[in-house]
């Protein structure tokens, strides 16, 4: 058991076993903080993707509404103004 500790101490730059454990704890705390930041960033990205999809779908509906009205009017008909957000 002590030879394993000695080898580990050598591997971490001749530090004492306790100093090495403290270093590992600091690294672990940083990793936990980074993981939390990553999770928050992933949530923000997901929210933004949802907003983009929502805006795209409404833009497509508005474009189709405008195209339908233009087509009707260009053939001599009249169409009521369609509300924003698409055909009702």
N, C-alpha and C. Protein backbone atom coordinates (compact mmCIF):
# COMPACT_ATOMS: atom_id res chain seq x y z
N UNK A 1 0.83 -1.20 0.00
CA UNK A 1 0.00 0.00 0.00
C UNK A 1 0.87 1.25 0.00
N UNK A 2 1.93 1.24 0.79
CA UNK A 2 2.78 2.43 0.84
C UNK A 2 3.55 2.62 -0.46
N UNK A 3 3.88 1.53 -1.17
CA UNK A 3 4.59 1.70 -2.44
C UNK A 3 3.67 2.34 -3.48
N UNK A 4 2.39 2.03 -3.44
CA UNK A 4 1.44 2.66 -4.35
C UNK A 4 1.36 4.15 -4.04
N UNK A 5 1.28 4.49 -2.76
CA UNK A 5 1.24 5.90 -2.37
C UNK A 5 2.51 6.61 -2.80
N UNK A 6 3.65 5.94 -2.63
CA UNK A 6 4.93 6.55 -3.02
C UNK A 6 4.97 6.81 -4.52
N UNK A 7 4.54 5.84 -5.30
CA UNK A 7 4.54 6.02 -6.75
C UNK A 7 3.58 7.13 -7.17
N UNK A 8 2.42 7.18 -6.54
CA UNK A 8 1.47 8.25 -6.85
C UNK A 8 2.04 9.61 -6.45
N UNK A 9 2.71 9.65 -5.31
CA UNK A 9 3.33 10.91 -4.89
C UNK A 9 4.38 11.36 -5.89
N UNK A 10 5.17 10.44 -6.38
CA UNK A 10 6.17 10.77 -7.41
C UNK A 10 5.49 11.27 -8.68
N UNK A 11 4.41 10.62 -9.04
CA UNK A 11 3.72 10.97 -10.28
C UNK A 11 3.12 12.37 -10.22
N UNK A 12 2.81 12.84 -9.04
CA UNK A 12 2.21 14.17 -8.95
C UNK A 12 3.23 15.20 -8.49
N UNK A 13 4.47 14.96 -8.78
CA UNK A 13 5.49 15.97 -8.57
C UNK A 13 6.04 16.02 -7.16
N UNK A 14 6.31 14.88 -6.58
CA UNK A 14 6.95 14.79 -5.26
C UNK A 14 6.15 15.48 -4.16
N UNK A 15 4.87 15.60 -4.34
CA UNK A 15 4.04 16.20 -3.30
C UNK A 15 3.70 15.14 -2.26
N UNK A 16 3.29 15.60 -1.13
CA UNK A 16 2.84 14.64 -0.12
C UNK A 16 1.50 14.07 -0.58
N UNK A 17 1.13 12.99 0.02
CA UNK A 17 -0.13 12.33 -0.33
C UNK A 17 -1.30 13.29 -0.09
N UNK A 18 -1.30 14.00 1.03
CA UNK A 18 -2.39 14.92 1.33
C UNK A 18 -2.44 16.08 0.34
N UNK A 19 -1.28 16.61 -0.04
CA UNK A 19 -1.25 17.69 -1.03
C UNK A 19 -1.82 17.22 -2.36
N UNK A 20 -1.47 16.00 -2.72
CA UNK A 20 -2.00 15.43 -3.96
C UNK A 20 -3.51 15.28 -3.91
N UNK A 21 -4.03 14.81 -2.79
CA UNK A 21 -5.48 14.67 -2.64
C UNK A 21 -6.17 16.03 -2.70
N UNK A 22 -5.57 17.04 -2.08
CA UNK A 22 -6.14 18.39 -2.14
C UNK A 22 -6.17 18.90 -3.58
N UNK A 23 -5.10 18.64 -4.33
CA UNK A 23 -5.07 19.03 -5.75
C UNK A 23 -6.20 18.34 -6.52
N UNK A 24 -6.37 17.05 -6.26
CA UNK A 24 -7.43 16.31 -6.95
C UNK A 24 -8.81 16.85 -6.59
N UNK A 25 -9.01 17.22 -5.33
CA UNK A 25 -10.29 17.79 -4.92
C UNK A 25 -10.55 19.12 -5.62
N UNK A 26 -9.51 19.94 -5.75
CA UNK A 26 -9.66 21.22 -6.45
C UNK A 26 -10.04 21.00 -7.91
N UNK A 27 -9.38 20.04 -8.54
CA UNK A 27 -9.69 19.74 -9.94
C UNK A 27 -11.13 19.24 -10.05
N UNK A 28 -11.54 18.41 -9.12
CA UNK A 28 -12.91 17.88 -9.14
C UNK A 28 -13.92 19.01 -8.98
N UNK A 29 -13.66 19.95 -8.08
CA UNK A 29 -14.56 21.08 -7.88
C UNK A 29 -14.66 21.92 -9.15
N UNK A 30 -13.52 22.13 -9.81
CA UNK A 30 -13.54 22.89 -11.07
C UNK A 30 -14.35 22.15 -12.12
N UNK A 31 -14.17 20.83 -12.18
CA UNK A 31 -14.92 20.04 -13.16
C UNK A 31 -16.42 20.10 -12.90
N UNK A 32 -16.81 20.06 -11.63
CA UNK A 32 -18.23 20.16 -11.29
C UNK A 32 -18.76 21.52 -11.74
N UNK A 33 -18.00 22.59 -11.49
CA UNK A 33 -18.40 23.92 -11.92
C UNK A 33 -18.52 24.02 -13.43
N UNK A 34 -17.57 23.43 -14.13
CA UNK A 34 -17.61 23.45 -15.59
C UNK A 34 -18.80 22.64 -16.10
N UNK A 35 -19.09 21.53 -15.46
CA UNK A 35 -20.23 20.71 -15.85
C UNK A 35 -21.53 21.49 -15.69
N UNK A 36 -21.65 22.23 -14.59
CA UNK A 36 -22.85 23.05 -14.37
C UNK A 36 -22.97 24.13 -15.44
N UNK A 37 -21.85 24.76 -15.79
CA UNK A 37 -21.86 25.78 -16.84
C UNK A 37 -22.27 25.17 -18.17
N UNK A 38 -21.76 23.98 -18.46
CA UNK A 38 -22.10 23.29 -19.70
C UNK A 38 -23.59 22.98 -19.76
N UNK A 39 -24.15 22.50 -18.66
CA UNK A 39 -25.58 22.19 -18.62
C UNK A 39 -26.42 23.45 -18.84
N UNK A 40 -26.01 24.57 -18.24
CA UNK A 40 -26.73 25.83 -18.44
C UNK A 40 -26.65 26.26 -19.90
N UNK A 41 -25.46 26.13 -20.49
CA UNK A 41 -25.29 26.50 -21.90
C UNK A 41 -26.15 25.63 -22.80
N UNK A 42 -26.23 24.33 -22.50
CA UNK A 42 -27.06 23.43 -23.29
C UNK A 42 -28.53 23.82 -23.20
N UNK A 43 -28.99 24.23 -22.01
CA UNK A 43 -30.38 24.68 -21.86
C UNK A 43 -30.64 25.95 -22.67
N UNK A 44 -29.69 26.87 -22.65
CA UNK A 44 -29.84 28.11 -23.42
C UNK A 44 -29.92 27.79 -24.91
N UNK A 45 -29.06 26.90 -25.37
CA UNK A 45 -29.07 26.51 -26.79
C UNK A 45 -30.41 25.87 -27.15
N UNK A 46 -30.90 25.00 -26.31
CA UNK A 46 -32.19 24.34 -26.56
C UNK A 46 -33.32 25.37 -26.63
N UNK A 47 -33.31 26.35 -25.71
CA UNK A 47 -34.32 27.40 -25.74
C UNK A 47 -34.23 28.21 -27.03
N UNK A 48 -33.00 28.54 -27.44
CA UNK A 48 -32.82 29.32 -28.67
C UNK A 48 -33.29 28.53 -29.89
N UNK A 49 -32.99 27.23 -29.93
CA UNK A 49 -33.44 26.41 -31.05
C UNK A 49 -34.96 26.35 -31.10
N UNK A 50 -35.60 26.28 -29.94
CA UNK A 50 -37.07 26.26 -29.88
C UNK A 50 -37.63 27.58 -30.42
N UNK A 51 -37.04 28.68 -30.01
CA UNK A 51 -37.49 30.00 -30.49
C UNK A 51 -37.30 30.11 -31.99
N UNK A 52 -36.17 29.65 -32.50
CA UNK A 52 -35.90 29.71 -33.95
C UNK A 52 -36.94 28.89 -34.71
N UNK A 53 -37.24 27.68 -34.23
CA UNK A 53 -38.24 26.84 -34.89
C UNK A 53 -39.60 27.52 -34.88
N UNK A 54 -39.96 28.14 -33.76
CA UNK A 54 -41.23 28.85 -33.65
C UNK A 54 -41.28 29.99 -34.67
N UNK A 55 -40.22 30.78 -34.72
CA UNK A 55 -40.19 31.91 -35.66
C UNK A 55 -40.23 31.43 -37.11
N UNK A 56 -39.50 30.35 -37.41
CA UNK A 56 -39.51 29.81 -38.77
C UNK A 56 -40.91 29.36 -39.17
N UNK A 57 -41.58 28.65 -38.28
CA UNK A 57 -42.91 28.14 -38.62
C UNK A 57 -43.88 29.29 -38.85
N UNK A 58 -43.79 30.34 -38.05
CA UNK A 58 -44.69 31.48 -38.24
C UNK A 58 -44.32 32.26 -39.49
N UNK A 59 -43.04 32.35 -39.81
CA UNK A 59 -42.63 33.04 -41.03
C UNK A 59 -43.15 32.29 -42.25
N UNK A 60 -43.10 30.96 -42.21
CA UNK A 60 -43.61 30.17 -43.33
C UNK A 60 -45.12 30.36 -43.47
N UNK A 61 -45.84 30.38 -42.34
CA UNK A 61 -47.29 30.58 -42.39
C UNK A 61 -47.62 31.96 -42.96
N UNK A 62 -46.89 32.98 -42.52
CA UNK A 62 -47.13 34.34 -43.02
C UNK A 62 -46.85 34.42 -44.51
N UNK A 63 -45.79 33.77 -44.96
CA UNK A 63 -45.45 33.77 -46.38
C UNK A 63 -46.55 33.08 -47.19
N UNK A 64 -47.06 31.96 -46.69
CA UNK A 64 -48.14 31.26 -47.39
C UNK A 64 -49.40 32.12 -47.43
N UNK A 65 -49.70 32.83 -46.35
CA UNK A 65 -50.87 33.71 -46.33
C UNK A 65 -50.73 34.81 -47.36
N UNK A 66 -49.56 35.42 -47.42
CA UNK A 66 -49.33 36.49 -48.39
C UNK A 66 -49.42 35.95 -49.81
N UNK A 67 -48.87 34.78 -50.06
CA UNK A 67 -48.91 34.17 -51.38
C UNK A 67 -50.35 33.86 -51.78
N UNK A 68 -51.14 33.33 -50.86
CA UNK A 68 -52.54 33.02 -51.16
C UNK A 68 -53.31 34.30 -51.49
N UNK A 69 -53.11 35.36 -50.72
CA UNK A 69 -53.81 36.62 -50.97
C UNK A 69 -53.38 37.20 -52.32
N UNK A 70 -52.09 37.17 -52.62
CA UNK A 70 -51.60 37.70 -53.89
C UNK A 70 -52.20 36.91 -55.06
N UNK A 71 -52.26 35.58 -54.91
CA UNK A 71 -52.80 34.74 -55.98
C UNK A 71 -54.27 35.05 -56.22
N UNK A 72 -55.04 35.18 -55.16
CA UNK A 72 -56.47 35.50 -55.31
C UNK A 72 -56.64 36.87 -55.95
N UNK A 73 -55.90 37.87 -55.46
CA UNK A 73 -56.03 39.23 -55.98
C UNK A 73 -55.55 39.33 -57.42
N UNK A 74 -54.53 38.57 -57.78
CA UNK A 74 -54.00 38.66 -59.14
C UNK A 74 -54.94 38.02 -60.16
N UNK A 75 -55.88 37.21 -59.70
CA UNK A 75 -56.87 36.62 -60.59
C UNK A 75 -58.20 37.37 -60.54
N UNK A 76 -58.16 38.61 -60.09
CA UNK A 76 -59.34 39.46 -60.11
C UNK A 76 -60.22 39.35 -58.90
N UNK A 77 -59.90 38.48 -58.00
CA UNK A 77 -60.72 38.35 -56.80
C UNK A 77 -60.22 39.30 -55.73
N UNK A 78 -60.94 39.34 -54.69
CA UNK A 78 -60.46 40.12 -53.55
C UNK A 78 -60.45 39.20 -52.35
N UNK A 79 -59.51 39.44 -51.51
CA UNK A 79 -59.43 38.61 -50.32
C UNK A 79 -59.32 39.53 -49.11
N UNK A 80 -59.94 39.13 -48.05
CA UNK A 80 -59.79 39.94 -46.84
C UNK A 80 -58.36 39.83 -46.34
N UNK A 81 -57.92 40.84 -45.63
CA UNK A 81 -56.57 40.78 -45.05
C UNK A 81 -56.53 39.61 -44.07
N UNK A 82 -55.55 38.78 -44.27
CA UNK A 82 -55.41 37.64 -43.37
C UNK A 82 -54.62 38.09 -42.14
N UNK A 83 -54.97 37.58 -41.00
CA UNK A 83 -54.25 37.99 -39.79
C UNK A 83 -52.83 37.45 -39.80
N UNK A 84 -51.97 38.14 -39.11
CA UNK A 84 -50.61 37.63 -38.96
C UNK A 84 -50.67 36.29 -38.26
N UNK A 85 -49.80 35.41 -38.65
CA UNK A 85 -49.79 34.10 -38.02
C UNK A 85 -50.36 33.03 -38.92
N UNK A 86 -50.89 33.41 -40.07
CA UNK A 86 -51.30 32.39 -41.02
C UNK A 86 -52.77 32.39 -41.31
N UNK A 87 -53.15 31.43 -42.13
CA UNK A 87 -54.53 31.27 -42.57
C UNK A 87 -55.35 30.75 -41.41
N UNK A 88 -56.51 31.35 -41.23
CA UNK A 88 -57.37 30.95 -40.11
C UNK A 88 -58.48 30.07 -40.64
